[in-house]
Amino acid sequence: MSYGMDAVNAVTQNIPKVTVAAIFQQDPRCLISHPNPAIKILANLKVKPIYVSASAKTTHWPLLEAKYWFYR
């Protein structure tokens, strides 16, 4: 068992880790955008500026940034 963001941070740092259970429902994260017919999947945001909170920069954002080549 593990804290949800602990698992995400381990992945971003290439730390070998197996998480059996993580309670993400108590640590919610989301991306919200204005309605745009061109945005159908998460990867469509690659060319759009994305504003993130200070806490996101050290938790889930590095993983999304690396996987989808997002920029801030």
N, C-alpha and C. Protein backbone atom coordinates (compact mmCIF):
# COMPACT_ATOMS: atom_id res chain seq x y z
N MET A 1 0.85 -1.17 0.00
CA MET A 1 0.00 0.00 0.00
C MET A 1 0.89 1.23 0.00
N SER A 2 0.37 2.28 -0.57
CA SER A 2 1.18 3.47 -0.70
C SER A 2 0.30 4.69 -0.85
N TYR A 3 0.86 5.82 -0.58
CA TYR A 3 0.23 7.10 -0.85
C TYR A 3 0.27 7.31 -2.36
N GLY A 4 -0.80 7.78 -2.97
CA GLY A 4 -0.91 7.88 -4.41
C GLY A 4 0.21 8.63 -5.09
N MET A 5 0.55 9.81 -4.59
CA MET A 5 1.59 10.60 -5.24
C MET A 5 2.97 9.99 -5.04
N ASP A 6 3.13 9.18 -4.03
CA ASP A 6 4.39 8.47 -3.83
C ASP A 6 4.66 7.56 -5.02
N ALA A 7 3.64 6.89 -5.50
CA ALA A 7 3.78 6.01 -6.67
C ALA A 7 4.14 6.81 -7.92
N VAL A 8 3.47 7.93 -8.13
CA VAL A 8 3.75 8.77 -9.29
C VAL A 8 5.17 9.33 -9.23
N ASN A 9 5.58 9.80 -8.07
CA ASN A 9 6.94 10.33 -7.93
C ASN A 9 8.00 9.26 -8.17
N ALA A 10 7.75 8.05 -7.75
CA ALA A 10 8.71 6.96 -7.98
C ALA A 10 8.87 6.71 -9.48
N VAL A 11 7.77 6.74 -10.22
CA VAL A 11 7.84 6.53 -11.67
C VAL A 11 8.65 7.64 -12.33
N THR A 12 8.43 8.89 -11.94
CA THR A 12 9.13 10.01 -12.57
C THR A 12 10.64 9.97 -12.28
N GLN A 13 11.03 9.32 -11.19
CA GLN A 13 12.45 9.23 -10.82
C GLN A 13 13.05 7.87 -11.16
N ASN A 14 12.33 7.06 -11.94
CA ASN A 14 12.80 5.73 -12.34
C ASN A 14 13.17 4.84 -11.15
N ILE A 15 12.43 4.97 -10.07
CA ILE A 15 12.65 4.13 -8.89
C ILE A 15 11.81 2.87 -9.05
N PRO A 16 12.45 1.70 -8.97
CA PRO A 16 11.66 0.47 -9.09
C PRO A 16 10.70 0.34 -7.92
N LYS A 17 9.41 0.24 -8.22
CA LYS A 17 8.40 0.23 -7.16
C LYS A 17 7.17 -0.48 -7.66
N VAL A 18 6.57 -1.25 -6.81
CA VAL A 18 5.29 -1.88 -7.11
C VAL A 18 4.32 -1.43 -6.04
N THR A 19 3.27 -0.75 -6.46
CA THR A 19 2.25 -0.31 -5.53
C THR A 19 1.06 -1.25 -5.64
N VAL A 20 0.66 -1.81 -4.54
CA VAL A 20 -0.46 -2.75 -4.53
C VAL A 20 -1.78 -1.99 -4.53
N ALA A 21 -1.84 -0.90 -3.80
CA ALA A 21 -3.07 -0.11 -3.75
C ALA A 21 -2.70 1.34 -3.47
N ALA A 22 -3.42 2.24 -4.10
CA ALA A 22 -3.23 3.67 -3.86
C ALA A 22 -4.61 4.30 -3.78
N ILE A 23 -4.81 5.15 -2.84
CA ILE A 23 -6.11 5.77 -2.64
C ILE A 23 -6.11 7.14 -3.30
N PHE A 24 -6.30 7.17 -4.63
CA PHE A 24 -6.31 8.44 -5.36
C PHE A 24 -7.57 9.25 -5.09
N GLN A 25 -8.64 8.60 -4.64
CA GLN A 25 -9.87 9.34 -4.41
C GLN A 25 -9.71 10.40 -3.32
N GLN A 26 -8.73 10.26 -2.46
CA GLN A 26 -8.52 11.24 -1.41
C GLN A 26 -7.44 12.25 -1.78
N ASP A 27 -6.91 12.15 -3.00
CA ASP A 27 -5.88 13.07 -3.48
C ASP A 27 -6.20 13.43 -4.94
N PRO A 28 -7.34 14.10 -5.17
CA PRO A 28 -7.79 14.30 -6.54
C PRO A 28 -6.92 15.29 -7.32
N ARG A 29 -6.78 15.02 -8.59
CA ARG A 29 -6.10 15.91 -9.53
C ARG A 29 -6.94 15.96 -10.79
N CYS A 30 -6.99 17.10 -11.45
CA CYS A 30 -7.74 17.18 -12.69
C CYS A 30 -7.16 18.29 -13.57
N LEU A 31 -7.45 18.20 -14.85
CA LEU A 31 -7.15 19.26 -15.80
C LEU A 31 -8.50 19.78 -16.30
N ILE A 32 -8.66 21.07 -16.28
CA ILE A 32 -9.91 21.69 -16.70
C ILE A 32 -9.59 22.65 -17.84
N SER A 33 -10.42 22.63 -18.87
CA SER A 33 -10.21 23.56 -20.00
C SER A 33 -11.54 24.16 -20.41
N HIS A 34 -11.44 25.22 -21.19
CA HIS A 34 -12.63 25.80 -21.79
C HIS A 34 -13.10 24.84 -22.89
N PRO A 35 -14.38 24.82 -23.21
CA PRO A 35 -14.87 23.95 -24.28
C PRO A 35 -14.14 24.26 -25.59
N ASN A 36 -13.67 23.23 -26.25
CA ASN A 36 -12.95 23.38 -27.52
C ASN A 36 -13.12 22.09 -28.31
N PRO A 37 -13.78 22.15 -29.48
CA PRO A 37 -14.00 20.92 -30.25
C PRO A 37 -12.70 20.26 -30.71
N ALA A 38 -11.60 21.00 -30.75
CA ALA A 38 -10.32 20.43 -31.18
C ALA A 38 -9.67 19.59 -30.09
N ILE A 39 -10.12 19.74 -28.85
CA ILE A 39 -9.54 18.99 -27.73
C ILE A 39 -10.43 17.78 -27.46
N LYS A 40 -9.99 16.63 -27.94
CA LYS A 40 -10.75 15.40 -27.76
C LYS A 40 -10.05 14.43 -26.81
N ILE A 41 -8.71 14.48 -26.80
CA ILE A 41 -7.93 13.61 -25.92
C ILE A 41 -6.84 14.44 -25.25
N LEU A 42 -6.26 13.89 -24.20
CA LEU A 42 -5.26 14.62 -23.42
C LEU A 42 -4.08 15.08 -24.29
N ALA A 43 -3.67 14.27 -25.24
CA ALA A 43 -2.53 14.62 -26.09
C ALA A 43 -2.80 15.87 -26.93
N ASN A 44 -4.06 16.22 -27.20
CA ASN A 44 -4.38 17.43 -27.96
C ASN A 44 -3.97 18.70 -27.25
N LEU A 45 -3.72 18.62 -25.96
CA LEU A 45 -3.29 19.80 -25.19
C LEU A 45 -1.82 20.12 -25.39
N LYS A 46 -1.09 19.27 -26.10
CA LYS A 46 0.35 19.45 -26.28
C LYS A 46 0.72 20.83 -26.80
N VAL A 47 -0.05 21.37 -27.71
CA VAL A 47 0.27 22.66 -28.33
C VAL A 47 -0.35 23.84 -27.60
N LYS A 48 -1.03 23.58 -26.50
CA LYS A 48 -1.69 24.64 -25.75
C LYS A 48 -0.90 24.99 -24.50
N PRO A 49 -0.89 26.26 -24.10
CA PRO A 49 -0.25 26.59 -22.82
C PRO A 49 -1.09 26.04 -21.67
N ILE A 50 -0.43 25.48 -20.68
CA ILE A 50 -1.12 24.91 -19.53
C ILE A 50 -0.55 25.55 -18.28
N TYR A 51 -1.42 26.07 -17.46
CA TYR A 51 -1.02 26.70 -16.21
C TYR A 51 -1.22 25.70 -15.08
N VAL A 52 -0.18 25.47 -14.29
CA VAL A 52 -0.25 24.49 -13.22
C VAL A 52 0.10 25.15 -11.89
N SER A 53 -0.41 24.58 -10.83
CA SER A 53 -0.13 25.12 -9.50
C SER A 53 1.30 24.80 -9.08
N ALA A 54 1.77 25.50 -8.08
CA ALA A 54 3.12 25.25 -7.57
C ALA A 54 3.27 23.82 -7.05
N SER A 55 2.24 23.31 -6.38
CA SER A 55 2.33 21.95 -5.85
C SER A 55 2.33 20.91 -6.97
N ALA A 56 1.67 21.20 -8.08
CA ALA A 56 1.65 20.25 -9.20
C ALA A 56 3.02 20.09 -9.84
N LYS A 57 3.83 21.14 -9.78
CA LYS A 57 5.16 21.10 -10.41
C LYS A 57 6.07 20.06 -9.77
N THR A 58 5.77 19.64 -8.56
CA THR A 58 6.61 18.65 -7.89
C THR A 58 5.87 17.34 -7.65
N THR A 59 4.63 17.22 -8.15
CA THR A 59 3.88 15.98 -7.91
C THR A 59 3.54 15.32 -9.24
N HIS A 60 2.35 15.55 -9.78
CA HIS A 60 1.91 14.84 -10.97
C HIS A 60 2.33 15.48 -12.29
N TRP A 61 2.65 16.78 -12.28
CA TRP A 61 2.97 17.45 -13.54
C TRP A 61 4.20 16.89 -14.25
N PRO A 62 5.32 16.61 -13.58
CA PRO A 62 6.48 16.07 -14.30
C PRO A 62 6.17 14.80 -15.09
N LEU A 63 5.29 13.96 -14.57
CA LEU A 63 4.91 12.75 -15.27
C LEU A 63 4.13 13.08 -16.55
N LEU A 64 3.14 13.96 -16.45
CA LEU A 64 2.38 14.36 -17.64
C LEU A 64 3.25 15.09 -18.65
N GLU A 65 4.12 15.94 -18.15
CA GLU A 65 5.01 16.71 -19.02
C GLU A 65 5.91 15.77 -19.83
N ALA A 66 6.45 14.75 -19.18
CA ALA A 66 7.33 13.81 -19.86
C ALA A 66 6.56 12.91 -20.83
N LYS A 67 5.41 12.43 -20.42
CA LYS A 67 4.64 11.50 -21.25
C LYS A 67 4.04 12.18 -22.48
N TYR A 68 3.51 13.39 -22.32
CA TYR A 68 2.80 14.06 -23.41
C TYR A 68 3.57 15.24 -23.99
N TRP A 69 4.77 15.48 -23.54
CA TRP A 69 5.61 16.60 -24.02
C TRP A 69 4.92 17.94 -23.83
N PHE A 70 4.20 18.06 -22.72
CA PHE A 70 3.56 19.32 -22.40
C PHE A 70 4.63 20.35 -22.03
N TYR A 71 4.27 21.59 -22.13
CA TYR A 71 5.11 22.67 -21.65
C TYR A 71 4.28 23.58 -20.78
N ARG A 72 4.96 24.39 -19.98
CA ARG A 72 4.23 25.33 -19.10
C ARG A 72 4.26 26.71 -19.70
